[in-house]
């Protein structure tokens, strides 16, 4: 039996009241604050970017921060910081998983 994959929590830049959260760079700030928490052995230059456990994204025009549940094992206080940030600012939270982009099918004929 395989262990379940860690969940991803999407903190959306929309308040429970439906307003866009400000400031406009909130997602980058939150992800930047948590950028030091990384898997062991992340490699040379890893400190330059965001942590793989907490990344900013724009999804359907909405700024989000995707927080991987694995962050809780690496640093529980960082996980609580992110979750409290969302609660304190009344941001919408969705549990989901980010799927990789699927390349479009190659054109060039097909069955008729």
C-alpha atoms as a PDB file:
ATOM      1  CA  UNK A   1       0.000   0.000   0.000  1.00  0.00           C
ATOM      2  CA  UNK A   2       1.388   3.415  -0.943  1.00  0.00           C
ATOM      3  CA  UNK A   3       1.375   6.441   1.320  1.00  0.00           C
ATOM      4  CA  UNK A   4      -1.156   9.117   0.345  1.00  0.00           C
ATOM      5  CA  UNK A   5       0.245  12.058  -1.604  1.00  0.00           C
ATOM      6  CA  UNK A   6       0.432  15.288   0.410  1.00  0.00           C
ATOM      7  CA  UNK A   7      -2.473  17.615  -0.224  1.00  0.00           C
ATOM      8  CA  UNK A   8      -2.150  21.076  -1.652  1.00  0.00           C
ATOM      9  CA  UNK A   9      -4.047  23.967  -0.155  1.00  0.00           C
ATOM     10  CA  UNK A  10      -4.870  26.843  -2.489  1.00  0.00           C
ATOM     11  CA  UNK A  11      -5.114  30.176  -0.686  1.00  0.00           C
ATOM     12  CA  UNK A  12      -7.043  32.376  -3.083  1.00  0.00           C
ATOM     13  CA  UNK A  13      -6.736  36.153  -3.237  1.00  0.00           C
ATOM     14  CA  UNK A  14     -10.470  36.571  -2.822  1.00  0.00           C
ATOM     15  CA  UNK A  15     -12.019  37.267   0.566  1.00  0.00           C
ATOM     16  CA  UNK A  16     -15.035  35.376   1.846  1.00  0.00           C
ATOM     17  CA  UNK A  17     -16.979  38.540   1.006  1.00  0.00           C
ATOM     18  CA  UNK A  18     -15.927  38.250  -2.660  1.00  0.00           C
ATOM     19  CA  UNK A  19     -13.477  41.159  -2.740  1.00  0.00           C
ATOM     20  CA  UNK A  20     -10.019  40.987  -4.325  1.00  0.00           C
ATOM     21  CA  UNK A  21      -7.392  40.899  -1.577  1.00  0.00           C
ATOM     22  CA  UNK A  22      -4.866  43.729  -1.450  1.00  0.00           C
ATOM     23  CA  UNK A  23      -2.002  44.539  -1.707  1.00  0.00           C
ATOM     24  CA  UNK A  24      -1.650  43.160  -5.206  1.00  0.00           C
ATOM     25  CA  UNK A  25       1.681  41.451  -4.400  1.00  0.00           C
ATOM     26  CA  UNK A  26       0.398  39.574  -1.324  1.00  0.00           C
ATOM     27  CA  UNK A  27       1.020  36.143  -2.914  1.00  0.00           C
ATOM     28  CA  UNK A  28       4.649  36.889  -3.726  1.00  0.00           C
ATOM     29  CA  UNK A  29       5.189  38.296  -0.223  1.00  0.00           C
ATOM     30  CA  UNK A  30       3.711  35.231   1.490  1.00  0.00           C
ATOM     31  CA  UNK A  31       5.631  32.793  -0.712  1.00  0.00           C
ATOM     32  CA  UNK A  32       8.791  34.852  -0.227  1.00  0.00           C
ATOM     33  CA  UNK A  33       8.434  34.721   3.554  1.00  0.00           C
ATOM     34  CA  UNK A  34       8.247  30.912   3.366  1.00  0.00           C
ATOM     35  CA  UNK A  35      10.927  30.475   0.689  1.00  0.00           C
ATOM     36  CA  UNK A  36      13.530  29.213   3.183  1.00  0.00           C
ATOM     37  CA  UNK A  37      11.590  26.009   3.885  1.00  0.00           C
ATOM     38  CA  UNK A  38      12.746  23.412   1.359  1.00  0.00           C
ATOM     39  CA  UNK A  39      13.390  19.701   1.011  1.00  0.00           C
ATOM     40  CA  UNK A  40      16.809  18.596   2.236  1.00  0.00           C
ATOM     41  CA  UNK A  41      19.431  18.580  -0.505  1.00  0.00           C
ATOM     42  CA  UNK A  42      17.598  21.099  -2.711  1.00  0.00           C
ATOM     43  CA  UNK A  43      20.838  21.897  -4.502  1.00  0.00           C
ATOM     44  CA  UNK A  44      22.943  24.845  -5.511  1.00  0.00           C
ATOM     45  CA  UNK A  45      21.054  28.066  -6.096  1.00  0.00           C
ATOM     46  CA  UNK A  46      17.818  26.774  -4.581  1.00  0.00           C
ATOM     47  CA  UNK A  47      17.783  29.703  -2.168  1.00  0.00           C
ATOM     48  CA  UNK A  48      17.152  32.097  -5.056  1.00  0.00           C
ATOM     49  CA  UNK A  49      13.576  30.984  -5.780  1.00  0.00           C
ATOM     50  CA  UNK A  50      10.377  30.084  -3.979  1.00  0.00           C
ATOM     51  CA  UNK A  51      10.086  26.978  -1.871  1.00  0.00           C
ATOM     52  CA  UNK A  52       8.426  24.063  -3.672  1.00  0.00           C
ATOM     53  CA  UNK A  53       6.128  23.886  -0.620  1.00  0.00           C
ATOM     54  CA  UNK A  54       4.713  27.395  -1.100  1.00  0.00           C
ATOM     55  CA  UNK A  55       4.428  28.937  -4.557  1.00  0.00           C
ATOM     56  CA  UNK A  56       2.470  31.892  -5.927  1.00  0.00           C
ATOM     57  CA  UNK A  57       0.318  31.295  -9.012  1.00  0.00           C
ATOM     58  CA  UNK A  58      -2.415  33.022 -10.976  1.00  0.00           C
ATOM     59  CA  UNK A  59      -5.267  30.620 -11.683  1.00  0.00           C
ATOM     60  CA  UNK A  60      -8.186  31.795 -13.818  1.00  0.00           C
ATOM     61  CA  UNK A  61      -7.134  35.383 -13.174  1.00  0.00           C
ATOM     62  CA  UNK A  62      -7.039  34.968  -9.378  1.00  0.00           C
ATOM     63  CA  UNK A  63      -3.796  35.294  -7.431  1.00  0.00           C
ATOM     64  CA  UNK A  64      -3.225  32.236  -5.257  1.00  0.00           C
ATOM     65  CA  UNK A  65      -0.578  30.679  -3.084  1.00  0.00           C
ATOM     66  CA  UNK A  66      -0.335  26.912  -3.283  1.00  0.00           C
ATOM     67  CA  UNK A  67       0.851  25.462   0.019  1.00  0.00           C
ATOM     68  CA  UNK A  68       1.876  21.814   0.006  1.00  0.00           C
ATOM     69  CA  UNK A  69       0.908  19.902   3.137  1.00  0.00           C
ATOM     70  CA  UNK A  70       4.469  18.523   3.285  1.00  0.00           C
ATOM     71  CA  UNK A  71       5.421  21.934   4.710  1.00  0.00           C
ATOM     72  CA  UNK A  72       3.705  20.862   7.936  1.00  0.00           C
ATOM     73  CA  UNK A  73       6.272  18.055   8.380  1.00  0.00           C
ATOM     74  CA  UNK A  74       9.229  20.276   7.476  1.00  0.00           C
ATOM     75  CA  UNK A  75       8.217  23.179   9.736  1.00  0.00           C
ATOM     76  CA  UNK A  76       4.849  23.097  11.526  1.00  0.00           C
ATOM     77  CA  UNK A  77       5.104  26.772  12.502  1.00  0.00           C
ATOM     78  CA  UNK A  78       5.494  27.796   8.844  1.00  0.00           C
ATOM     79  CA  UNK A  79       2.384  25.769   7.964  1.00  0.00           C
ATOM     80  CA  UNK A  80       0.444  27.458  10.765  1.00  0.00           C
ATOM     81  CA  UNK A  81       1.719  30.857   9.637  1.00  0.00           C
ATOM     82  CA  UNK A  82       0.320  30.319   6.128  1.00  0.00           C
ATOM     83  CA  UNK A  83      -3.010  28.941   7.367  1.00  0.00           C
ATOM     84  CA  UNK A  84      -3.382  31.735   9.951  1.00  0.00           C
ATOM     85  CA  UNK A  85      -2.582  34.319   7.270  1.00  0.00           C
ATOM     86  CA  UNK A  86      -5.474  33.004   5.199  1.00  0.00           C
ATOM     87  CA  UNK A  87      -7.853  32.864   8.181  1.00  0.00           C
ATOM     88  CA  UNK A  88      -6.882  36.278   9.561  1.00  0.00           C
ATOM     89  CA  UNK A  89      -7.423  37.909   6.170  1.00  0.00           C
ATOM     90  CA  UNK A  90     -10.622  35.931   5.484  1.00  0.00           C
ATOM     91  CA  UNK A  91      -9.205  34.470   2.278  1.00  0.00           C
ATOM     92  CA  UNK A  92     -10.882  31.579   0.535  1.00  0.00           C
ATOM     93  CA  UNK A  93      -9.080  28.253   0.912  1.00  0.00           C
ATOM     94  CA  UNK A  94      -9.549  25.287  -1.419  1.00  0.00           C
ATOM     95  CA  UNK A  95      -8.029  21.830  -1.119  1.00  0.00           C
ATOM     96  CA  UNK A  96      -6.985  20.634  -4.558  1.00  0.00           C
ATOM     97  CA  UNK A  97      -3.964  19.496  -6.502  1.00  0.00           C
ATOM     98  CA  UNK A  98      -2.117  21.262  -9.268  1.00  0.00           C
ATOM     99  CA  UNK A  99      -1.982  19.146 -12.407  1.00  0.00           C
ATOM    100  CA  UNK A 100       0.859  19.479 -14.909  1.00  0.00           C
ATOM    101  CA  UNK A 101       0.098  21.093 -18.237  1.00  0.00           C
ATOM    102  CA  UNK A 102      -0.751  18.529 -20.881  1.00  0.00           C
ATOM    103  CA  UNK A 103       0.706  19.293 -24.306  1.00  0.00           C
ATOM    104  CA  UNK A 104      -1.864  19.618 -27.085  1.00  0.00           C
ATOM    105  CA  UNK A 105      -2.151  16.639 -29.429  1.00  0.00           C
ATOM    106  CA  UNK A 106       0.128  16.780 -32.435  1.00  0.00           C
ATOM    107  CA  UNK A 107      -1.636  17.878 -35.596  1.00  0.00           C
ATOM    108  CA  UNK A 108      -0.852  16.267 -38.854  1.00  0.00           C
ATOM    109  CA  UNK A 109      -3.606  13.987 -39.743  1.00  0.00           C
ATOM    110  CA  UNK A 110      -5.603  11.506 -37.900  1.00  0.00           C
ATOM    111  CA  UNK A 111      -8.218   8.877 -38.407  1.00  0.00           C
ATOM    112  CA  UNK A 112     -11.032   9.849 -40.731  1.00  0.00           C
END
